[in-house]
Amino acid sequence: MNLNLSPGQQALLLWMLAASAGAFVGFGFDKWRAGRGGRRVAEATLLGISALGGWPGGLMGIVVFRHKSAKASFQLKFAAAFFVWAGLGYFAWRSVGG
């Protein structure tokens, strides 16, 4: 399958994959630390990495780890992070040759 992606689009997709993996791991690590009483990952960090490319991985982390799924205030912020992620992704894709 030939997708004919520009080098910039390839880099953007790699960034989003890496950020999604980071967000997923971040949610999992935070859940793990929450169960052990250790130092937690800041909500701002989880939201930031989600908004800046890792929103799909963050969503998978919420679902798989069932972490932050009942906290309404976080869910509202995470929904807002989706719009940041989608907007940045759209404009970045367009600027690199989409």
PDB file of N, CA and C in Angstrom:
ATOM      1  N   MET A   1       0.852  -1.176   0.000  1.00  0.00           N
ATOM      2  CA  MET A   1       0.000   0.000   0.000  1.00  0.00           C
ATOM      3  C   MET A   1       0.898   1.239   0.000  1.00  0.00           C
ATOM      4  N   ASN A   2       0.736   2.069  -0.979  1.00  0.00           N
ATOM      5  CA  ASN A   2       1.531   3.277  -1.119  1.00  0.00           C
ATOM      6  C   ASN A   2       0.677   4.468  -0.702  1.00  0.00           C
ATOM      7  N   LEU A   3       1.058   5.102   0.407  1.00  0.00           N
ATOM      8  CA  LEU A   3       0.278   6.231   0.915  1.00  0.00           C
ATOM      9  C   LEU A   3       0.743   7.573   0.358  1.00  0.00           C
ATOM     10  N   ASN A   4       1.900   7.594  -0.296  1.00  0.00           N
ATOM     11  CA  ASN A   4       2.446   8.825  -0.873  1.00  0.00           C
ATOM     12  C   ASN A   4       2.501   9.960   0.141  1.00  0.00           C
ATOM     13  N   LEU A   5       3.103   9.706   1.279  1.00  0.00           N
ATOM     14  CA  LEU A   5       3.239  10.728   2.310  1.00  0.00           C
ATOM     15  C   LEU A   5       4.536  11.500   2.112  1.00  0.00           C
ATOM     16  N   SER A   6       4.460  12.788   2.333  1.00  0.00           N
ATOM     17  CA  SER A   6       5.667  13.609   2.271  1.00  0.00           C
ATOM     18  C   SER A   6       6.538  13.279   3.488  1.00  0.00           C
ATOM     19  N   PRO A   7       7.815  13.628   3.434  1.00  0.00           N
ATOM     20  CA  PRO A   7       8.670  13.396   4.608  1.00  0.00           C
ATOM     21  C   PRO A   7       8.127  14.095   5.861  1.00  0.00           C
ATOM     22  N   GLY A   8       7.556  15.276   5.688  1.00  0.00           N
ATOM     23  CA  GLY A   8       6.974  15.983   6.830  1.00  0.00           C
ATOM     24  C   GLY A   8       5.779  15.251   7.412  1.00  0.00           C
ATOM     25  N   GLN A   9       4.945  14.693   6.552  1.00  0.00           N
ATOM     26  CA  GLN A   9       3.795  13.923   7.018  1.00  0.00           C
ATOM     27  C   GLN A   9       4.246  12.653   7.724  1.00  0.00           C
ATOM     28  N   GLN A  10       5.284  12.016   7.197  1.00  0.00           N
ATOM     29  CA  GLN A  10       5.823  10.830   7.858  1.00  0.00           C
ATOM     30  C   GLN A  10       6.341  11.179   9.245  1.00  0.00           C
ATOM     31  N   ALA A  11       7.054  12.299   9.342  1.00  0.00           N
ATOM     32  CA  ALA A  11       7.574  12.734  10.640  1.00  0.00           C
ATOM     33  C   ALA A  11       6.439  13.052  11.596  1.00  0.00           C
ATOM     34  N   LEU A  12       5.393  13.684  11.104  1.00  0.00           N
ATOM     35  CA  LEU A  12       4.245  14.013  11.956  1.00  0.00           C
ATOM     36  C   LEU A  12       3.573  12.744  12.468  1.00  0.00           C
ATOM     37  N   LEU A  13       3.392  11.762  11.594  1.00  0.00           N
ATOM     38  CA  LEU A  13       2.792  10.503  12.025  1.00  0.00           C
ATOM     39  C   LEU A  13       3.667   9.790  13.055  1.00  0.00           C
ATOM     40  N   LEU A  14       4.980   9.815  12.838  1.00  0.00           N
ATOM     41  CA  LEU A  14       5.880   9.211  13.822  1.00  0.00           C
ATOM     42  C   LEU A  14       5.796   9.931  15.158  1.00  0.00           C
ATOM     43  N   TRP A  15       5.719  11.268  15.109  1.00  0.00           N
ATOM     44  CA  TRP A  15       5.578  12.037  16.340  1.00  0.00           C
ATOM     45  C   TRP A  15       4.295  11.628  17.078  1.00  0.00           C
ATOM     46  N   MET A  16       3.191  11.528  16.347  1.00  0.00           N
ATOM     47  CA  MET A  16       1.921  11.184  16.982  1.00  0.00           C
ATOM     48  C   MET A  16       1.946   9.764  17.541  1.00  0.00           C
ATOM     49  N   LEU A  17       2.596   8.847  16.849  1.00  0.00           N
ATOM     50  CA  LEU A  17       2.731   7.482  17.374  1.00  0.00           C
ATOM     51  C   LEU A  17       3.566   7.475  18.650  1.00  0.00           C
ATOM     52  N   ALA A  18       4.687   8.195  18.632  1.00  0.00           N
ATOM     53  CA  ALA A  18       5.553   8.253  19.815  1.00  0.00           C
ATOM     54  C   ALA A  18       4.843   8.942  20.980  1.00  0.00           C
ATOM     55  N   ALA A  19       4.151  10.045  20.701  1.00  0.00           N
ATOM     56  CA  ALA A  19       3.428  10.754  21.758  1.00  0.00           C
ATOM     57  C   ALA A  19       2.293   9.897  22.309  1.00  0.00           C
ATOM     58  N   SER A  20       1.613   9.152  21.439  1.00  0.00           N
ATOM     59  CA  SER A  20       0.544   8.262  21.896  1.00  0.00           C
ATOM     60  C   SER A  20       1.099   7.160  22.781  1.00  0.00           C
ATOM     61  N   ALA A  21       2.238   6.603  22.385  1.00  0.00           N
ATOM     62  CA  ALA A  21       2.873   5.578  23.222  1.00  0.00           C
ATOM     63  C   ALA A  21       3.264   6.174  24.571  1.00  0.00           C
ATOM     64  N   GLY A  22       3.802   7.385  24.551  1.00  0.00           N
ATOM     65  CA  GLY A  22       4.172   8.052  25.803  1.00  0.00           C
ATOM     66  C   GLY A  22       2.975   8.331  26.685  1.00  0.00           C
ATOM     67  N   ALA A  23       1.882   8.774  26.091  1.00  0.00           N
ATOM     68  CA  ALA A  23       0.671   9.040  26.868  1.00  0.00           C
ATOM     69  C   ALA A  23       0.128   7.749  27.467  1.00  0.00           C
ATOM     70  N   PHE A  24       0.102   6.685  26.680  1.00  0.00           N
ATOM     71  CA  PHE A  24      -0.388   5.393  27.166  1.00  0.00           C
ATOM     72  C   PHE A  24       0.447   4.922  28.350  1.00  0.00           C
ATOM     73  N   VAL A  25       1.762   4.980  28.208  1.00  0.00           N
ATOM     74  CA  VAL A  25       2.652   4.575  29.289  1.00  0.00           C
ATOM     75  C   VAL A  25       2.469   5.489  30.500  1.00  0.00           C
ATOM     76  N   GLY A  26       2.303   6.782  30.257  1.00  0.00           N
ATOM     77  CA  GLY A  26       2.090   7.727  31.359  1.00  0.00           C
ATOM     78  C   GLY A  26       0.846   7.418  32.163  1.00  0.00           C
ATOM     79  N   PHE A  27      -0.252   7.117  31.482  1.00  0.00           N
ATOM     80  CA  PHE A  27      -1.482   6.758  32.182  1.00  0.00           C
ATOM     81  C   PHE A  27      -1.299   5.456  32.959  1.00  0.00           C
ATOM     82  N   GLY A  28      -0.627   4.487  32.353  1.00  0.00           N
ATOM     83  CA  GLY A  28      -0.381   3.222  33.040  1.00  0.00           C
ATOM     84  C   GLY A  28       0.507   3.398  34.247  1.00  0.00           C
ATOM     85  N   PHE A  29       1.566   4.186  34.100  1.00  0.00           N
ATOM     86  CA  PHE A  29       2.474   4.430  35.222  1.00  0.00           C
ATOM     87  C   PHE A  29       1.755   5.156  36.351  1.00  0.00           C
ATOM     88  N   ASP A  30       0.939   6.156  36.002  1.00  0.00           N
ATOM     89  CA  ASP A  30       0.203   6.891  37.027  1.00  0.00           C
ATOM     90  C   ASP A  30      -0.759   5.969  37.768  1.00  0.00           C
ATOM     91  N   LYS A  31      -1.420   5.079  37.053  1.00  0.00           N
ATOM     92  CA  LYS A  31      -2.330   4.126  37.687  1.00  0.00           C
ATOM     93  C   LYS A  31      -1.550   3.204  38.633  1.00  0.00           C
ATOM     94  N   TRP A  32      -0.401   2.748  38.173  1.00  0.00           N
ATOM     95  CA  TRP A  32       0.436   1.881  38.977  1.00  0.00           C
ATOM     96  C   TRP A  32       0.890   2.595  40.252  1.00  0.00           C
ATOM     97  N   ARG A  33       1.322   3.856  40.096  1.00  0.00           N
ATOM     98  CA  ARG A  33       1.768   4.626  41.266  1.00  0.00           C
ATOM     99  C   ARG A  33       0.612   4.941  42.204  1.00  0.00           C
ATOM    100  N   ALA A  34      -0.573   5.144  41.648  1.00  0.00           N
ATOM    101  CA  ALA A  34      -1.740   5.437  42.493  1.00  0.00           C
ATOM    102  C   ALA A  34      -2.048   4.264  43.416  1.00  0.00           C
ATOM    103  N   GLY A  35      -1.846   3.061  42.938  1.00  0.00           N
ATOM    104  CA  GLY A  35      -2.112   1.878  43.744  1.00  0.00           C
ATOM    105  C   GLY A  35      -1.053   1.603  44.781  1.00  0.00           C
ATOM    106  N   ARG A  36       0.085   2.264  44.681  1.00  0.00           N
ATOM    107  CA  ARG A  36       1.191   2.021  45.603  1.00  0.00           C
ATOM    108  C   ARG A  36       1.536   3.236  46.456  1.00  0.00           C
ATOM    109  N   GLY A  37       0.778   4.290  46.300  1.00  0.00           N
ATOM    110  CA  GLY A  37       0.991   5.471  47.128  1.00  0.00           C
ATOM    111  C   GLY A  37       2.245   6.254  46.786  1.00  0.00           C
ATOM    112  N   GLY A  38       2.800   6.063  45.607  1.00  0.00           N
ATOM    113  CA  GLY A  38       4.009   6.774  45.214  1.00  0.00           C
ATOM    114  C   GLY A  38       3.711   8.111  44.577  1.00  0.00           C
ATOM    115  N   ARG A  39       4.785   8.772  44.143  1.00  0.00           N
ATOM    116  CA  ARG A  39       4.649  10.063  43.471  1.00  0.00           C
ATOM    117  C   ARG A  39       3.927   9.857  42.147  1.00  0.00           C
ATOM    118  N   ARG A  40       2.906  10.653  41.924  1.00  0.00           N
ATOM    119  CA  ARG A  40       2.032  10.508  40.766  1.00  0.00           C
ATOM    120  C   ARG A  40       2.483  11.376  39.597  1.00  0.00           C
ATOM    121  N   VAL A  41       1.985  11.051  38.424  1.00  0.00           N
ATOM    122  CA  VAL A  41       2.193  11.876  37.235  1.00  0.00           C
ATOM    123  C   VAL A  41       1.158  13.007  37.304  1.00  0.00           C
ATOM    124  N   ALA A  42       1.600  14.219  37.128  1.00  0.00           N
ATOM    125  CA  ALA A  42       0.692  15.363  37.221  1.00  0.00           C
ATOM    126  C   ALA A  42      -0.363  15.296  36.122  1.00  0.00           C
ATOM    127  N   GLU A  43      -1.587  15.677  36.462  1.00  0.00           N
ATOM    128  CA  GLU A  43      -2.654  15.718  35.452  1.00  0.00           C
ATOM    129  C   GLU A  43      -2.258  16.601  34.284  1.00  0.00           C
ATOM    130  N   ALA A  44      -1.597  17.713  34.575  1.00  0.00           N
ATOM    131  CA  ALA A  44      -1.180  18.624  33.503  1.00  0.00           C
ATOM    132  C   ALA A  44      -0.231  17.928  32.529  1.00  0.00           C
ATOM    133  N   THR A  45       0.610  17.034  33.026  1.00  0.00           N
ATOM    134  CA  THR A  45       1.519  16.285  32.164  1.00  0.00           C
ATOM    135  C   THR A  45       0.743  15.330  31.275  1.00  0.00           C
ATOM    136  N   LEU A  46      -0.203  14.596  31.866  1.00  0.00           N
ATOM    137  CA  LEU A  46      -1.021  13.662  31.086  1.00  0.00           C
ATOM    138  C   LEU A  46      -1.833  14.398  30.022  1.00  0.00           C
ATOM    139  N   LEU A  47      -2.399  15.523  30.405  1.00  0.00           N
ATOM    140  CA  LEU A  47      -3.188  16.309  29.453  1.00  0.00           C
ATOM    141  C   LEU A  47      -2.300  16.942  28.388  1.00  0.00           C
ATOM    142  N   GLY A  48      -1.138  17.411  28.778  1.00  0.00           N
ATOM    143  CA  GLY A  48      -0.231  18.060  27.840  1.00  0.00           C
ATOM    144  C   GLY A  48       0.270  17.115  26.762  1.00  0.00           C
ATOM    145  N   ILE A  49       0.730  15.938  27.169  1.00  0.00           N
ATOM    146  CA  ILE A  49       1.222  14.989  26.160  1.00  0.00           C
ATOM    147  C   ILE A  49       0.082  14.504  25.284  1.00  0.00           C
ATOM    148  N   SER A  50      -1.128  14.437  25.853  1.00  0.00           N
ATOM    149  CA  SER A  50      -2.294  14.044  25.051  1.00  0.00           C
ATOM    150  C   SER A  50      -2.627  15.124  24.028  1.00  0.00           C
ATOM    151  N   ALA A  51      -2.625  16.370  24.454  1.00  0.00           N
ATOM    152  CA  ALA A  51      -2.977  17.475  23.560  1.00  0.00           C
ATOM    153  C   ALA A  51      -1.929  17.693  22.472  1.00  0.00           C
ATOM    154  N   LEU A  52      -0.666  17.394  22.777  1.00  0.00           N
ATOM    155  CA  LEU A  52       0.417  17.679  21.839  1.00  0.00           C
ATOM    156  C   LEU A  52       0.793  16.478  20.977  1.00  0.00           C
ATOM    157  N   GLY A  53      -0.169  15.584  20.756  1.00  0.00           N
ATOM    158  CA  GLY A  53       0.058  14.497  19.825  1.00  0.00           C
ATOM    159  C   GLY A  53      -0.349  13.131  20.321  1.00  0.00           C
ATOM    160  N   GLY A  54      -0.512  12.970  21.613  1.00  0.00           N
ATOM    161  CA  GLY A  54      -0.754  11.640  22.146  1.00  0.00           C
ATOM    162  C   GLY A  54      -2.170  11.343  22.583  1.00  0.00           C
ATOM    163  N   TRP A  55      -3.141  12.097  22.070  1.00  0.00           N
ATOM    164  CA  TRP A  55      -4.520  11.899  22.525  1.00  0.00           C
ATOM    165  C   TRP A  55      -5.023  10.468  22.306  1.00  0.00           C
ATOM    166  N   PRO A  56      -4.771   9.835  21.155  1.00  0.00           N
ATOM    167  CA  PRO A  56      -5.253   8.453  21.000  1.00  0.00           C
ATOM    168  C   PRO A  56      -4.666   7.500  22.050  1.00  0.00           C
ATOM    169  N   GLY A  57      -3.388   7.642  22.345  1.00  0.00           N
ATOM    170  CA  GLY A  57      -2.762   6.807  23.371  1.00  0.00           C
ATOM    171  C   GLY A  57      -3.304   7.106  24.752  1.00  0.00           C
ATOM    172  N   GLY A  58      -3.601   8.375  25.012  1.00  0.00           N
ATOM    173  CA  GLY A  58      -4.210   8.738  26.291  1.00  0.00           C
ATOM    174  C   GLY A  58      -5.580   8.105  26.453  1.00  0.00           C
ATOM    175  N   LEU A  59      -6.354   8.136  25.383  1.00  0.00           N
ATOM    176  CA  LEU A  59      -7.678   7.508  25.423  1.00  0.00           C
ATOM    177  C   LEU A  59      -7.551   6.005  25.660  1.00  0.00           C
ATOM    178  N   MET A  60      -6.599   5.382  24.978  1.00  0.00           N
ATOM    179  CA  MET A  60      -6.386   3.953  25.202  1.00  0.00           C
ATOM    180  C   MET A  60      -5.958   3.688  26.646  1.00  0.00           C
ATOM    181  N   GLY A  61      -5.139   4.572  27.206  1.00  0.00           N
ATOM    182  CA  GLY A  61      -4.715   4.424  28.597  1.00  0.00           C
ATOM    183  C   GLY A  61      -5.884   4.520  29.569  1.00  0.00           C
ATOM    184  N   ILE A  62      -6.785   5.451  29.304  1.00  0.00           N
ATOM    185  CA  ILE A  62      -7.973   5.592  30.154  1.00  0.00           C
ATOM    186  C   ILE A  62      -8.807   4.320  30.100  1.00  0.00           C
ATOM    187  N   VAL A  63      -8.994   3.778  28.896  1.00  0.00           N
ATOM    188  CA  VAL A  63      -9.839   2.599  28.719  1.00  0.00           C
ATOM    189  C   VAL A  63      -9.166   1.344  29.266  1.00  0.00           C
ATOM    190  N   VAL A  64      -7.924   1.106  28.866  1.00  0.00           N
ATOM    191  CA  VAL A  64      -7.230  -0.125  29.255  1.00  0.00           C
ATOM    192  C   VAL A  64      -6.974  -0.180  30.755  1.00  0.00           C
ATOM    193  N   PHE A  65      -6.482   0.915  31.320  1.00  0.00           N
ATOM    194  CA  PHE A  65      -6.131   0.925  32.743  1.00  0.00           C
ATOM    195  C   PHE A  65      -7.294   1.348  33.642  1.00  0.00           C
ATOM    196  N   ARG A  66      -8.410   1.762  33.018  1.00  0.00           N
ATOM    197  CA  ARG A  66      -9.551   2.293  33.759  1.00  0.00           C
ATOM    198  C   ARG A  66      -9.076   3.343  34.766  1.00  0.00           C
ATOM    199  N   HIS A  67      -8.281   4.246  34.234  1.00  0.00           N
ATOM    200  CA  HIS A  67      -7.676   5.279  35.066  1.00  0.00           C
ATOM    201  C   HIS A  67      -8.219   6.642  34.684  1.00  0.00           C
ATOM    202  N   LYS A  68      -8.643   7.375  35.656  1.00  0.00           N
ATOM    203  CA  LYS A  68      -9.218   8.710  35.480  1.00  0.00           C
ATOM    204  C   LYS A  68     -10.548   8.651  34.732  1.00  0.00           C
ATOM    205  N   SER A  69     -11.126   7.480  34.608  1.00  0.00           N
ATOM    206  CA  SER A  69     -12.360   7.336  33.843  1.00  0.00           C
ATOM    207  C   SER A  69     -13.595   7.786  34.615  1.00  0.00           C
ATOM    208  N   ALA A  70     -13.511   7.881  35.925  1.00  0.00           N
ATOM    209  CA  ALA A  70     -14.669   8.294  36.725  1.00  0.00           C
ATOM    210  C   ALA A  70     -14.551   9.737  37.210  1.00  0.00           C
ATOM    211  N   LYS A  71     -13.447  10.363  36.940  1.00  0.00           N
ATOM    212  CA  LYS A  71     -13.212  11.729  37.415  1.00  0.00           C
ATOM    213  C   LYS A  71     -13.716  12.723  36.369  1.00  0.00           C
ATOM    214  N   ALA A  72     -14.895  13.282  36.623  1.00  0.00           N
ATOM    215  CA  ALA A  72     -15.564  14.141  35.634  1.00  0.00           C
ATOM    216  C   ALA A  72     -14.730  15.368  35.266  1.00  0.00           C
ATOM    217  N   SER A  73     -14.072  15.971  36.227  1.00  0.00           N
ATOM    218  CA  SER A  73     -13.294  17.173  35.921  1.00  0.00           C
ATOM    219  C   SER A  73     -12.137  16.838  34.976  1.00  0.00           C
ATOM    220  N   PHE A  74     -11.506  15.685  35.170  1.00  0.00           N
ATOM    221  CA  PHE A  74     -10.430  15.284  34.270  1.00  0.00           C
ATOM    222  C   PHE A  74     -10.990  14.955  32.896  1.00  0.00           C
ATOM    223  N   GLN A  75     -12.115  14.292  32.841  1.00  0.00           N
ATOM    224  CA  GLN A  75     -12.716  13.927  31.560  1.00  0.00           C
ATOM    225  C   GLN A  75     -13.056  15.163  30.736  1.00  0.00           C
ATOM    226  N   LEU A  76     -13.521  16.204  31.389  1.00  0.00           N
ATOM    227  CA  LEU A  76     -13.818  17.453  30.684  1.00  0.00           C
ATOM    228  C   LEU A  76     -12.534  18.064  30.113  1.00  0.00           C
ATOM    229  N   LYS A  77     -11.480  18.068  30.905  1.00  0.00           N
ATOM    230  CA  LYS A  77     -10.195  18.592  30.430  1.00  0.00           C
ATOM    231  C   LYS A  77      -9.633  17.719  29.304  1.00  0.00           C
ATOM    232  N   PHE A  78      -9.820  16.413  29.423  1.00  0.00           N
ATOM    233  CA  PHE A  78      -9.330  15.505  28.387  1.00  0.00           C
ATOM    234  C   PHE A  78     -10.102  15.714  27.083  1.00  0.00           C
ATOM    235  N   ALA A  79     -11.393  15.988  27.195  1.00  0.00           N
ATOM    236  CA  ALA A  79     -12.194  16.297  26.003  1.00  0.00           C
ATOM    237  C   ALA A  79     -11.685  17.585  25.352  1.00  0.00           C
ATOM    238  N   ALA A  80     -11.349  18.580  26.156  1.00  0.00           N
ATOM    239  CA  ALA A  80     -10.792  19.823  25.611  1.00  0.00           C
ATOM    240  C   ALA A  80      -9.444  19.548  24.938  1.00  0.00           C
ATOM    241  N   ALA A  81      -8.655  18.637  25.519  1.00  0.00           N
ATOM    242  CA  ALA A  81      -7.364  18.279  24.933  1.00  0.00           C
ATOM    243  C   ALA A  81      -7.549  17.656  23.554  1.00  0.00           C
ATOM    244  N   PHE A  82      -8.679  16.964  23.343  1.00  0.00           N
ATOM    245  CA  PHE A  82      -8.959  16.410  22.021  1.00  0.00           C
ATOM    246  C   PHE A  82      -9.021  17.507  20.975  1.00  0.00           C
ATOM    247  N   PHE A  83      -9.694  18.602  21.291  1.00  0.00           N
ATOM    248  CA  PHE A  83      -9.835  19.682  20.320  1.00  0.00           C
ATOM    249  C   PHE A  83      -8.491  20.353  20.038  1.00  0.00           C
ATOM    250  N   VAL A  84      -7.664  20.465  21.055  1.00  0.00           N
ATOM    251  CA  VAL A  84      -6.310  20.995  20.841  1.00  0.00           C
ATOM    252  C   VAL A  84      -5.541  20.034  19.936  1.00  0.00           C
ATOM    253  N   TRP A  85      -5.583  18.735  20.264  1.00  0.00           N
ATOM    254  CA  TRP A  85      -4.896  17.706  19.470  1.00  0.00           C
ATOM    255  C   TRP A  85      -5.375  17.719  18.020  1.00  0.00           C
ATOM    256  N   ALA A  86      -6.683  17.734  17.829  1.00  0.00           N
ATOM    257  CA  ALA A  86      -7.246  17.704  16.473  1.00  0.00           C
ATOM    258  C   ALA A  86      -6.861  18.964  15.693  1.00  0.00           C
ATOM    259  N   GLY A  87      -6.946  20.108  16.328  1.00  0.00           N
ATOM    260  CA  GLY A  87      -6.593  21.356  15.654  1.00  0.00           C
ATOM    261  C   GLY A  87      -5.122  21.415  15.298  1.00  0.00           C
ATOM    262  N   LEU A  88      -4.265  21.076  16.244  1.00  0.00           N
ATOM    263  CA  LEU A  88      -2.831  21.080  15.960  1.00  0.00           C
ATOM    264  C   LEU A  88      -2.490  20.062  14.880  1.00  0.00           C
ATOM    265  N   GLY A  89      -3.103  18.895  14.973  1.00  0.00           N
ATOM    266  CA  GLY A  89      -2.854  17.862  13.963  1.00  0.00           C
ATOM    267  C   GLY A  89      -3.276  18.303  12.580  1.00  0.00           C
ATOM    268  N   TYR A  90      -4.424  18.923  12.497  1.00  0.00           N
ATOM    269  CA  TYR A  90      -4.929  19.399  11.207  1.00  0.00           C
ATOM    270  C   TYR A  90      -3.989  20.437  10.595  1.00  0.00           C
ATOM    271  N   PHE A  91      -3.633  21.432  11.402  1.00  0.00           N
ATOM    272  CA  PHE A  91      -2.786  22.503  10.863  1.00  0.00           C
ATOM    273  C   PHE A  91      -1.373  22.011  10.574  1.00  0.00           C
ATOM    274  N   ALA A  92      -0.859  21.105  11.397  1.00  0.00           N
ATOM    275  CA  ALA A  92       0.468  20.552  11.136  1.00  0.00           C
ATOM    276  C   ALA A  92       0.451  19.720   9.853  1.00  0.00           C
ATOM    277  N   TRP A  93      -0.595  18.919   9.673  1.00  0.00           N
ATOM    278  CA  TRP A  93      -0.700  18.080   8.463  1.00  0.00           C
ATOM    279  C   TRP A  93      -0.751  18.954   7.213  1.00  0.00           C
ATOM    280  N   ARG A  94      -1.542  20.023   7.297  1.00  0.00           N
ATOM    281  CA  ARG A  94      -1.652  20.938   6.150  1.00  0.00           C
ATOM    282  C   ARG A  94      -0.323  21.641   5.867  1.00  0.00           C
ATOM    283  N   SER A  95       0.398  21.979   6.912  1.00  0.00           N
ATOM    284  CA  SER A  95       1.645  22.738   6.704  1.00  0.00           C
ATOM    285  C   SER A  95       2.786  21.874   6.166  1.00  0.00           C
ATOM    286  N   VAL A  96       2.685  20.552   6.343  1.00  0.00           N
ATOM    287  CA  VAL A  96       3.774  19.683   5.863  1.00  0.00           C
ATOM    288  C   VAL A  96       3.411  19.000   4.548  1.00  0.00           C
ATOM    289  N   GLY A  97       2.349  19.452   3.907  1.00  0.00           N
ATOM    290  CA  GLY A  97       2.047  18.969   2.572  1.00  0.00           C
ATOM    291  C   GLY A  97       0.791  18.164   2.421  1.00  0.00           C
ATOM    292  N   GLY A  98      -0.193  18.386   3.282  1.00  0.00           N
ATOM    293  CA  GLY A  98      -1.429  17.607   3.199  1.00  0.00           C
ATOM    294  C   GLY A  98      -2.462  18.168   2.287  1.00  0.00           C
TER     295      GLY A  98
END
